[in-house]
């Protein structure tokens, strides 16, 4: 299967991100299409990862169903509206047009990524003081909510709770914080039964009918760090079910992480596809249909 990196539908384009193209439907709802585009270090690559968009959509559907006792979500239907091309099947969702809350709601259970960098400099993550002596990939005493800004261009910026309250208002902030921690706790316990560590993840929320609902994608390998539990070892980078394979390859090139991106070789693309599919199969217990 060839990777789908562009969609070109005869519908008004509502938004286009690094991975998703979202179109406005006649009834006012949105059609969200997950392409196979891949980005690393905030740069989108020319090559896509075959099946990636299908994995992202199908995993989001799986988690939306599992989490509905905790929070409502924006899903209306996983069925493709009539008259649209068949290649969009399994990678598209019809969703409610919610008003997004301008925060990336990040929960960390382990020390990695930008959290590790900040901790090594100051002993804190997003202003939260952590115990001394933690290492790369250490499990935190308890999960922490570490929001970041949702920037239109460039990197999201880690912020403190107080900054988050100023951006979205105290009541909204406390609600999304509580929901994020609840979802993380439930999902990490579930993932553990599948031999997977959910190290950290990010959620997006929006307002619909004056209620806060879960939007965008949820608990996919693009929005979460998933590690195989049987290979976990504190103090080093972990193997993971996501685009880490691409990141590791890029780090080996000495690329300056600015556009234009280097070409991704076939073996890196193939291995990354396998990682996404493995995440789907292990979490859902279902065979992925290619």
C-alpha atoms as a PDB file:
ATOM      1  CA  UNK A   1       0.000   0.000   0.000  1.00  0.00           C
ATOM      2  CA  UNK A   2       1.226   3.472  -0.872  1.00  0.00           C
ATOM      3  CA  UNK A   3       1.203   6.097   1.828  1.00  0.00           C
ATOM      4  CA  UNK A   4      -1.546   8.726   1.645  1.00  0.00           C
ATOM      5  CA  UNK A   5       0.095  12.108   2.182  1.00  0.00           C
ATOM      6  CA  UNK A   6      -2.473  14.398   0.480  1.00  0.00           C
ATOM      7  CA  UNK A   7      -6.247  14.531   0.401  1.00  0.00           C
ATOM      8  CA  UNK A   8      -8.053  16.586  -2.189  1.00  0.00           C
ATOM      9  CA  UNK A   9     -11.790  16.496  -1.591  1.00  0.00           C
ATOM     10  CA  UNK A  10     -14.555  18.637  -3.099  1.00  0.00           C
ATOM     11  CA  UNK A  11     -15.463  19.900   0.356  1.00  0.00           C
ATOM     12  CA  UNK A  12     -14.500  23.127   2.144  1.00  0.00           C
ATOM     13  CA  UNK A  13     -11.175  22.578   3.950  1.00  0.00           C
ATOM     14  CA  UNK A  14     -11.674  23.481   7.626  1.00  0.00           C
ATOM     15  CA  UNK A  15      -8.076  22.938   8.770  1.00  0.00           C
ATOM     16  CA  UNK A  16      -4.923  21.086   7.779  1.00  0.00           C
ATOM     17  CA  UNK A  17      -2.335  19.997  10.355  1.00  0.00           C
ATOM     18  CA  UNK A  18       0.829  17.940  10.357  1.00  0.00           C
ATOM     19  CA  UNK A  19      -1.173  14.724  10.032  1.00  0.00           C
ATOM     20  CA  UNK A  20      -4.904  15.481   9.719  1.00  0.00           C
ATOM     21  CA  UNK A  21      -6.978  17.231   7.073  1.00  0.00           C
ATOM     22  CA  UNK A  22     -10.394  18.310   8.359  1.00  0.00           C
ATOM     23  CA  UNK A  23     -13.283  19.219   6.058  1.00  0.00           C
ATOM     24  CA  UNK A  24     -16.585  20.966   6.713  1.00  0.00           C
ATOM     25  CA  UNK A  25     -19.680  18.887   5.893  1.00  0.00           C
ATOM     26  CA  UNK A  26     -22.989  20.341   4.719  1.00  0.00           C
ATOM     27  CA  UNK A  27     -24.692  19.567   8.051  1.00  0.00           C
ATOM     28  CA  UNK A  28     -22.105  21.623   9.974  1.00  0.00           C
ATOM     29  CA  UNK A  29     -20.203  18.620  11.301  1.00  0.00           C
ATOM     30  CA  UNK A  30     -16.574  17.902  10.417  1.00  0.00           C
ATOM     31  CA  UNK A  31     -14.876  15.092   8.491  1.00  0.00           C
ATOM     32  CA  UNK A  32     -11.506  14.409  10.088  1.00  0.00           C
ATOM     33  CA  UNK A  33      -9.087  12.446   7.889  1.00  0.00           C
ATOM     34  CA  UNK A  34      -5.835  11.022   9.289  1.00  0.00           C
ATOM     35  CA  UNK A  35      -3.256  10.926   6.494  1.00  0.00           C
ATOM     36  CA  UNK A  36      -0.005   8.926   6.554  1.00  0.00           C
ATOM     37  CA  UNK A  37       2.089  12.080   6.874  1.00  0.00           C
ATOM     38  CA  UNK A  38       4.800  11.974   9.500  1.00  0.00           C
ATOM     39  CA  UNK A  39       6.530  14.843  11.270  1.00  0.00           C
ATOM     40  CA  UNK A  40       9.597  14.821  13.466  1.00  0.00           C
ATOM     41  CA  UNK A  41      11.096  17.815  15.284  1.00  0.00           C
ATOM     42  CA  UNK A  42       8.123  19.837  13.924  1.00  0.00           C
ATOM     43  CA  UNK A  43       9.109  19.186  10.287  1.00  0.00           C
ATOM     44  CA  UNK A  44       6.733  17.259   7.986  1.00  0.00           C
ATOM     45  CA  UNK A  45       8.476  14.730   5.729  1.00  0.00           C
ATOM     46  CA  UNK A  46       7.898  14.163   2.015  1.00  0.00           C
ATOM     47  CA  UNK A  47       7.450  10.426   2.522  1.00  0.00           C
ATOM     48  CA  UNK A  48       4.516   9.020   4.474  1.00  0.00           C
ATOM     49  CA  UNK A  49       4.252   5.911   6.659  1.00  0.00           C
ATOM     50  CA  UNK A  50       1.797   3.446   5.031  1.00  0.00           C
ATOM     51  CA  UNK A  51      -1.244   2.570   7.213  1.00  0.00           C
ATOM     52  CA  UNK A  52      -0.283   5.114   9.887  1.00  0.00           C
ATOM     53  CA  UNK A  53      -3.465   7.205   9.459  1.00  0.00           C
ATOM     54  CA  UNK A  54      -5.636   4.081   9.666  1.00  0.00           C
ATOM     55  CA  UNK A  55      -3.901   3.006  12.899  1.00  0.00           C
ATOM     56  CA  UNK A  56      -4.378   6.491  14.420  1.00  0.00           C
ATOM     57  CA  UNK A  57      -8.093   6.575  13.574  1.00  0.00           C
ATOM     58  CA  UNK A  58      -8.830   2.993  14.612  1.00  0.00           C
ATOM     59  CA  UNK A  59      -6.967   3.374  17.929  1.00  0.00           C
ATOM     60  CA  UNK A  60      -8.798   6.638  18.645  1.00  0.00           C
ATOM     61  CA  UNK A  61     -12.134   4.872  17.997  1.00  0.00           C
ATOM     62  CA  UNK A  62     -11.075   2.053  20.327  1.00  0.00           C
ATOM     63  CA  UNK A  63     -10.186   4.489  23.134  1.00  0.00           C
ATOM     64  CA  UNK A  64     -13.220   6.767  22.642  1.00  0.00           C
ATOM     65  CA  UNK A  65     -15.405   3.705  23.305  1.00  0.00           C
ATOM     66  CA  UNK A  66     -13.345   2.623  26.321  1.00  0.00           C
ATOM     67  CA  UNK A  67     -13.300   6.095  27.895  1.00  0.00           C
ATOM     68  CA  UNK A  68     -16.934   7.124  27.436  1.00  0.00           C
ATOM     69  CA  UNK A  69     -17.716   6.359  31.103  1.00  0.00           C
ATOM     70  CA  UNK A  70     -15.178   9.090  32.017  1.00  0.00           C
ATOM     71  CA  UNK A  71     -15.754  11.774  29.378  1.00  0.00           C
ATOM     72  CA  UNK A  72     -17.908  12.446  26.310  1.00  0.00           C
ATOM     73  CA  UNK A  73     -16.111  12.847  22.986  1.00  0.00           C
ATOM     74  CA  UNK A  74     -16.619  14.436  19.575  1.00  0.00           C
ATOM     75  CA  UNK A  75     -17.235  11.230  17.583  1.00  0.00           C
ATOM     76  CA  UNK A  76     -20.498  11.067  15.608  1.00  0.00           C
ATOM     77  CA  UNK A  77     -19.721   8.214  13.206  1.00  0.00           C
ATOM     78  CA  UNK A  78     -16.857   6.080  11.919  1.00  0.00           C
ATOM     79  CA  UNK A  79     -18.808   5.515   8.692  1.00  0.00           C
ATOM     80  CA  UNK A  80     -17.767   7.454   5.630  1.00  0.00           C
ATOM     81  CA  UNK A  81     -20.511   9.780   4.330  1.00  0.00           C
ATOM     82  CA  UNK A  82     -21.880   8.712   0.919  1.00  0.00           C
ATOM     83  CA  UNK A  83     -20.204  10.000  -2.234  1.00  0.00           C
ATOM     84  CA  UNK A  84     -16.683  10.187  -0.788  1.00  0.00           C
ATOM     85  CA  UNK A  85     -13.732   8.154  -2.151  1.00  0.00           C
ATOM     86  CA  UNK A  86     -13.206   4.666  -0.688  1.00  0.00           C
ATOM     87  CA  UNK A  87      -9.556   5.336   0.182  1.00  0.00           C
ATOM     88  CA  UNK A  88     -10.832   7.446   3.090  1.00  0.00           C
ATOM     89  CA  UNK A  89     -12.412   4.409   4.794  1.00  0.00           C
ATOM     90  CA  UNK A  90     -10.952   3.409   8.191  1.00  0.00           C
ATOM     91  CA  UNK A  91      -8.933   6.641   8.378  1.00  0.00           C
ATOM     92  CA  UNK A  92     -11.866   9.080   8.691  1.00  0.00           C
ATOM     93  CA  UNK A  93     -14.292  10.121  11.411  1.00  0.00           C
ATOM     94  CA  UNK A  94     -17.348  12.368  11.300  1.00  0.00           C
ATOM     95  CA  UNK A  95     -17.088  14.545  14.415  1.00  0.00           C
ATOM     96  CA  UNK A  96     -18.852  17.399  16.176  1.00  0.00           C
ATOM     97  CA  UNK A  97     -17.548  20.887  15.538  1.00  0.00           C
ATOM     98  CA  UNK A  98     -16.464  21.788  19.066  1.00  0.00           C
ATOM     99  CA  UNK A  99     -14.773  25.000  20.205  1.00  0.00           C
ATOM    100  CA  UNK A 100     -11.209  23.885  21.091  1.00  0.00           C
ATOM    101  CA  UNK A 101      -9.759  24.712  24.516  1.00  0.00           C
ATOM    102  CA  UNK A 102      -6.387  26.299  23.844  1.00  0.00           C
ATOM    103  CA  UNK A 103      -4.236  23.946  25.923  1.00  0.00           C
ATOM    104  CA  UNK A 104      -2.297  20.778  25.218  1.00  0.00           C
ATOM    105  CA  UNK A 105      -3.239  18.652  28.241  1.00  0.00           C
ATOM    106  CA  UNK A 106      -0.148  16.556  28.935  1.00  0.00           C
ATOM    107  CA  UNK A 107       0.062  13.896  31.664  1.00  0.00           C
ATOM    108  CA  UNK A 108       3.396  12.306  32.542  1.00  0.00           C
ATOM    109  CA  UNK A 109       3.884   9.130  34.552  1.00  0.00           C
ATOM    110  CA  UNK A 110       7.558   8.798  33.648  1.00  0.00           C
ATOM    111  CA  UNK A 111      10.410  11.240  33.067  1.00  0.00           C
ATOM    112  CA  UNK A 112      11.206  11.619  29.359  1.00  0.00           C
ATOM    113  CA  UNK A 113      11.422  14.145  26.521  1.00  0.00           C
ATOM    114  CA  UNK A 114      11.159  17.854  27.383  1.00  0.00           C
ATOM    115  CA  UNK A 115      10.267  16.929  30.989  1.00  0.00           C
ATOM    116  CA  UNK A 116      13.599  15.158  31.436  1.00  0.00           C
ATOM    117  CA  UNK A 117      15.492  18.140  29.978  1.00  0.00           C
ATOM    118  CA  UNK A 118      13.803  20.582  32.365  1.00  0.00           C
ATOM    119  CA  UNK A 119      14.293  18.270  35.360  1.00  0.00           C
ATOM    120  CA  UNK A 120      18.020  17.937  34.630  1.00  0.00           C
ATOM    121  CA  UNK A 121      18.324  21.734  34.596  1.00  0.00           C
ATOM    122  CA  UNK A 122      16.096  22.714  37.519  1.00  0.00           C
ATOM    123  CA  UNK A 123      14.688  19.643  39.292  1.00  0.00           C
ATOM    124  CA  UNK A 124      11.189  20.648  38.117  1.00  0.00           C
ATOM    125  CA  UNK A 125       8.778  19.853  35.277  1.00  0.00           C
ATOM    126  CA  UNK A 126       6.438  22.731  34.336  1.00  0.00           C
ATOM    127  CA  UNK A 127       7.242  24.279  37.698  1.00  0.00           C
ATOM    128  CA  UNK A 128       6.375  21.085  39.657  1.00  0.00           C
ATOM    129  CA  UNK A 129       9.175  20.188  42.066  1.00  0.00           C
ATOM    130  CA  UNK A 130      10.199  16.522  41.746  1.00  0.00           C
ATOM    131  CA  UNK A 131      12.355  14.417  44.102  1.00  0.00           C
ATOM    132  CA  UNK A 132      16.127  14.475  43.512  1.00  0.00           C
ATOM    133  CA  UNK A 133      17.923  11.499  41.939  1.00  0.00           C
ATOM    134  CA  UNK A 134      15.464  10.724  39.130  1.00  0.00           C
ATOM    135  CA  UNK A 135      16.965   9.492  35.865  1.00  0.00           C
ATOM    136  CA  UNK A 136      16.015   9.170  32.216  1.00  0.00           C
ATOM    137  CA  UNK A 137      12.722   7.169  32.077  1.00  0.00           C
ATOM    138  CA  UNK A 138      12.279   7.053  35.881  1.00  0.00           C
ATOM    139  CA  UNK A 139       8.735   6.371  37.059  1.00  0.00           C
ATOM    140  CA  UNK A 140       7.373   9.455  38.854  1.00  0.00           C
ATOM    141  CA  UNK A 141       6.001   9.138  42.415  1.00  0.00           C
ATOM    142  CA  UNK A 142       2.557   9.840  40.910  1.00  0.00           C
ATOM    143  CA  UNK A 143       1.395  11.097  37.481  1.00  0.00           C
ATOM    144  CA  UNK A 144       1.650  14.856  36.966  1.00  0.00           C
ATOM    145  CA  UNK A 145      -0.384  17.239  34.781  1.00  0.00           C
ATOM    146  CA  UNK A 146       2.015  19.393  32.746  1.00  0.00           C
ATOM    147  CA  UNK A 147       0.101  21.563  30.264  1.00  0.00           C
ATOM    148  CA  UNK A 148       1.599  23.323  27.281  1.00  0.00           C
ATOM    149  CA  UNK A 149       0.420  26.073  24.967  1.00  0.00           C
ATOM    150  CA  UNK A 150      -1.166  25.216  21.642  1.00  0.00           C
ATOM    151  CA  UNK A 151       0.909  27.221  19.181  1.00  0.00           C
ATOM    152  CA  UNK A 152      -0.217  27.738  15.560  1.00  0.00           C
ATOM    153  CA  UNK A 153       3.418  27.857  14.442  1.00  0.00           C
ATOM    154  CA  UNK A 154       6.574  26.435  16.032  1.00  0.00           C
ATOM    155  CA  UNK A 155       6.946  24.480  19.262  1.00  0.00           C
ATOM    156  CA  UNK A 156       4.295  24.272  21.973  1.00  0.00           C
ATOM    157  CA  UNK A 157       5.633  25.785  25.195  1.00  0.00           C
ATOM    158  CA  UNK A 158       5.471  24.052  28.592  1.00  0.00           C
ATOM    159  CA  UNK A 159       3.648  26.217  31.134  1.00  0.00           C
ATOM    160  CA  UNK A 160       2.770  26.156  34.847  1.00  0.00           C
ATOM    161  CA  UNK A 161      -0.723  25.509  36.222  1.00  0.00           C
ATOM    162  CA  UNK A 162      -1.065  29.209  37.018  1.00  0.00           C
ATOM    163  CA  UNK A 163      -0.261  30.200  33.416  1.00  0.00           C
ATOM    164  CA  UNK A 164      -2.774  27.596  32.235  1.00  0.00           C
ATOM    165  CA  UNK A 165      -5.483  29.098  34.466  1.00  0.00           C
ATOM    166  CA  UNK A 166      -4.766  32.534  32.999  1.00  0.00           C
ATOM    167  CA  UNK A 167      -5.096  31.210  29.422  1.00  0.00           C
ATOM    168  CA  UNK A 168      -8.366  29.237  29.727  1.00  0.00           C
ATOM    169  CA  UNK A 169      -9.859  30.345  33.060  1.00  0.00           C
ATOM    170  CA  UNK A 170      -9.661  28.675  36.468  1.00  0.00           C
ATOM    171  CA  UNK A 171     -12.803  26.514  36.239  1.00  0.00           C
ATOM    172  CA  UNK A 172     -12.034  25.166  32.754  1.00  0.00           C
ATOM    173  CA  UNK A 173      -8.425  24.513  33.736  1.00  0.00           C
ATOM    174  CA  UNK A 174      -9.349  22.506  36.838  1.00  0.00           C
ATOM    175  CA  UNK A 175     -11.868  20.448  34.840  1.00  0.00           C
ATOM    176  CA  UNK A 176      -9.455  19.484  32.063  1.00  0.00           C
ATOM    177  CA  UNK A 177      -6.722  18.759  34.620  1.00  0.00           C
ATOM    178  CA  UNK A 178      -8.987  16.393  36.560  1.00  0.00           C
ATOM    179  CA  UNK A 179     -10.236  14.688  33.386  1.00  0.00           C
ATOM    180  CA  UNK A 180      -6.690  14.298  31.989  1.00  0.00           C
ATOM    181  CA  UNK A 181      -5.396  12.633  35.167  1.00  0.00           C
ATOM    182  CA  UNK A 182      -8.454  10.329  35.330  1.00  0.00           C
ATOM    183  CA  UNK A 183      -8.062   9.237  31.696  1.00  0.00           C
ATOM    184  CA  UNK A 184      -4.325   8.671  32.126  1.00  0.00           C
ATOM    185  CA  UNK A 185      -4.855   6.555  35.240  1.00  0.00           C
ATOM    186  CA  UNK A 186      -7.472   4.387  33.522  1.00  0.00           C
ATOM    187  CA  UNK A 187      -5.509   4.039  30.250  1.00  0.00           C
ATOM    188  CA  UNK A 188      -2.162   3.286  31.906  1.00  0.00           C
ATOM    189  CA  UNK A 189      -3.741   0.500  33.988  1.00  0.00           C
ATOM    190  CA  UNK A 190      -5.341  -0.948  30.875  1.00  0.00           C
ATOM    191  CA  UNK A 191      -2.080  -0.704  28.844  1.00  0.00           C
ATOM    192  CA  UNK A 192      -0.221  -2.483  31.667  1.00  0.00           C
ATOM    193  CA  UNK A 193      -2.490  -5.520  31.184  1.00  0.00           C
ATOM    194  CA  UNK A 194      -1.178  -5.640  27.590  1.00  0.00           C
ATOM    195  CA  UNK A 195       2.477  -5.469  28.636  1.00  0.00           C
ATOM    196  CA  UNK A 196       2.763  -1.802  27.702  1.00  0.00           C
ATOM    197  CA  UNK A 197       3.859   1.219  29.741  1.00  0.00           C
ATOM    198  CA  UNK A 198       2.028   4.476  28.972  1.00  0.00           C
ATOM    199  CA  UNK A 199       4.857   6.862  29.839  1.00  0.00           C
ATOM    200  CA  UNK A 200       3.066  10.079  28.915  1.00  0.00           C
ATOM    201  CA  UNK A 201       0.298  11.336  26.665  1.00  0.00           C
ATOM    202  CA  UNK A 202      -1.517  14.484  25.617  1.00  0.00           C
ATOM    203  CA  UNK A 203      -5.222  15.207  25.276  1.00  0.00           C
ATOM    204  CA  UNK A 204      -7.222  17.926  23.596  1.00  0.00           C
ATOM    205  CA  UNK A 205     -10.603  19.116  24.801  1.00  0.00           C
ATOM    206  CA  UNK A 206     -13.282  21.416  23.442  1.00  0.00           C
ATOM    207  CA  UNK A 207     -16.664  22.902  24.353  1.00  0.00           C
ATOM    208  CA  UNK A 208     -19.803  21.487  22.738  1.00  0.00           C
ATOM    209  CA  UNK A 209     -23.273  22.419  24.020  1.00  0.00           C
ATOM    210  CA  UNK A 210     -21.529  24.117  26.984  1.00  0.00           C
ATOM    211  CA  UNK A 211     -19.917  20.817  28.015  1.00  0.00           C
ATOM    212  CA  UNK A 212     -16.262  19.850  27.903  1.00  0.00           C
ATOM    213  CA  UNK A 213     -15.662  16.933  25.536  1.00  0.00           C
ATOM    214  CA  UNK A 214     -12.593  15.032  24.322  1.00  0.00           C
ATOM    215  CA  UNK A 215     -11.600  15.971  20.751  1.00  0.00           C
ATOM    216  CA  UNK A 216      -8.943  15.280  18.110  1.00  0.00           C
ATOM    217  CA  UNK A 217      -7.168  11.918  18.593  1.00  0.00           C
ATOM    218  CA  UNK A 218      -6.688  10.052  21.856  1.00  0.00           C
ATOM    219  CA  UNK A 219      -3.985   7.728  23.207  1.00  0.00           C
ATOM    220  CA  UNK A 220      -2.440   7.016  19.801  1.00  0.00           C
ATOM    221  CA  UNK A 221       1.285   6.428  19.233  1.00  0.00           C
ATOM    222  CA  UNK A 222       1.421  10.001  17.836  1.00  0.00           C
ATOM    223  CA  UNK A 223       0.054  11.577  21.025  1.00  0.00           C
ATOM    224  CA  UNK A 224       1.554   9.142  23.561  1.00  0.00           C
ATOM    225  CA  UNK A 225       4.815   7.485  24.547  1.00  0.00           C
ATOM    226  CA  UNK A 226       4.185   3.737  24.729  1.00  0.00           C
ATOM    227  CA  UNK A 227       7.026   1.463  25.879  1.00  0.00           C
ATOM    228  CA  UNK A 228       7.213  -2.348  25.946  1.00  0.00           C
ATOM    229  CA  UNK A 229       7.136  -3.229  29.673  1.00  0.00           C
ATOM    230  CA  UNK A 230       9.360  -6.312  29.323  1.00  0.00           C
ATOM    231  CA  UNK A 231      12.231  -4.217  27.910  1.00  0.00           C
ATOM    232  CA  UNK A 232      11.903  -1.239  30.265  1.00  0.00           C
ATOM    233  CA  UNK A 233      15.143  -0.206  31.940  1.00  0.00           C
ATOM    234  CA  UNK A 234      15.478   2.980  33.977  1.00  0.00           C
ATOM    235  CA  UNK A 235      18.333   5.329  33.084  1.00  0.00           C
ATOM    236  CA  UNK A 236      18.208   5.111  29.285  1.00  0.00           C
ATOM    237  CA  UNK A 237      15.988   5.802  26.280  1.00  0.00           C
ATOM    238  CA  UNK A 238      13.324   3.128  25.830  1.00  0.00           C
ATOM    239  CA  UNK A 239      12.190   1.306  22.732  1.00  0.00           C
ATOM    240  CA  UNK A 240       8.785   2.674  21.820  1.00  0.00           C
ATOM    241  CA  UNK A 241       5.738   2.070  19.627  1.00  0.00           C
ATOM    242  CA  UNK A 242       5.845   5.285  17.643  1.00  0.00           C
ATOM    243  CA  UNK A 243       8.032   7.396  15.403  1.00  0.00           C
ATOM    244  CA  UNK A 244      11.020   7.058  17.729  1.00  0.00           C
ATOM    245  CA  UNK A 245      12.595   4.857  15.067  1.00  0.00           C
ATOM    246  CA  UNK A 246      12.425   7.829  12.666  1.00  0.00           C
ATOM    247  CA  UNK A 247      13.771  10.238  15.310  1.00  0.00           C
ATOM    248  CA  UNK A 248      16.687   7.908  16.110  1.00  0.00           C
ATOM    249  CA  UNK A 249      17.560   7.616  12.414  1.00  0.00           C
ATOM    250  CA  UNK A 250      17.455  11.414  12.007  1.00  0.00           C
ATOM    251  CA  UNK A 251      19.642  11.962  15.083  1.00  0.00           C
ATOM    252  CA  UNK A 252      22.265   9.700  13.470  1.00  0.00           C
ATOM    253  CA  UNK A 253      22.436  11.972  10.380  1.00  0.00           C
ATOM    254  CA  UNK A 254      23.486  15.178  12.124  1.00  0.00           C
ATOM    255  CA  UNK A 255      20.547  16.936  10.389  1.00  0.00           C
ATOM    256  CA  UNK A 256      19.934  20.485  11.691  1.00  0.00           C
ATOM    257  CA  UNK A 257      16.179  19.766  12.222  1.00  0.00           C
ATOM    258  CA  UNK A 258      15.182  22.562   9.848  1.00  0.00           C
ATOM    259  CA  UNK A 259      13.353  22.205   6.514  1.00  0.00           C
ATOM    260  CA  UNK A 260      13.923  20.762   3.986  1.00  0.00           C
ATOM    261  CA  UNK A 261      13.791  17.315   5.595  1.00  0.00           C
ATOM    262  CA  UNK A 262      16.135  14.517   4.509  1.00  0.00           C
ATOM    263  CA  UNK A 263      14.642  11.550   2.624  1.00  0.00           C
ATOM    264  CA  UNK A 264      13.518   8.584   4.739  1.00  0.00           C
ATOM    265  CA  UNK A 265      14.954   5.277   3.466  1.00  0.00           C
ATOM    266  CA  UNK A 266      12.558   2.361   2.742  1.00  0.00           C
ATOM    267  CA  UNK A 267      13.741   0.297   5.728  1.00  0.00           C
ATOM    268  CA  UNK A 268      13.030   3.169   8.167  1.00  0.00           C
ATOM    269  CA  UNK A 269       9.539   3.603   6.667  1.00  0.00           C
ATOM    270  CA  UNK A 270       8.844  -0.166   6.829  1.00  0.00           C
ATOM    271  CA  UNK A 271      10.051  -0.491  10.430  1.00  0.00           C
ATOM    272  CA  UNK A 272       7.952   2.525  11.518  1.00  0.00           C
ATOM    273  CA  UNK A 273       4.822   1.065   9.884  1.00  0.00           C
ATOM    274  CA  UNK A 274       5.442  -2.179  11.813  1.00  0.00           C
ATOM    275  CA  UNK A 275       5.744  -0.277  15.113  1.00  0.00           C
ATOM    276  CA  UNK A 276       2.403   1.521  14.611  1.00  0.00           C
ATOM    277  CA  UNK A 277       0.649  -1.723  13.669  1.00  0.00           C
ATOM    278  CA  UNK A 278       2.166  -3.548  16.647  1.00  0.00           C
ATOM    279  CA  UNK A 279       0.849  -0.834  18.994  1.00  0.00           C
ATOM    280  CA  UNK A 280      -2.655  -1.260  17.540  1.00  0.00           C
ATOM    281  CA  UNK A 281      -2.600  -5.044  17.769  1.00  0.00           C
ATOM    282  CA  UNK A 282      -1.221  -5.187  21.315  1.00  0.00           C
ATOM    283  CA  UNK A 283      -3.590  -2.565  22.716  1.00  0.00           C
ATOM    284  CA  UNK A 284      -6.776  -3.764  21.017  1.00  0.00           C
ATOM    285  CA  UNK A 285      -6.056  -7.500  20.889  1.00  0.00           C
ATOM    286  CA  UNK A 286      -7.228  -7.449  17.251  1.00  0.00           C
ATOM    287  CA  UNK A 287      -5.355  -8.356  14.072  1.00  0.00           C
ATOM    288  CA  UNK A 288      -4.708  -5.275  11.894  1.00  0.00           C
ATOM    289  CA  UNK A 289      -6.087  -5.673   8.378  1.00  0.00           C
ATOM    290  CA  UNK A 290      -3.651  -4.435   5.752  1.00  0.00           C
END
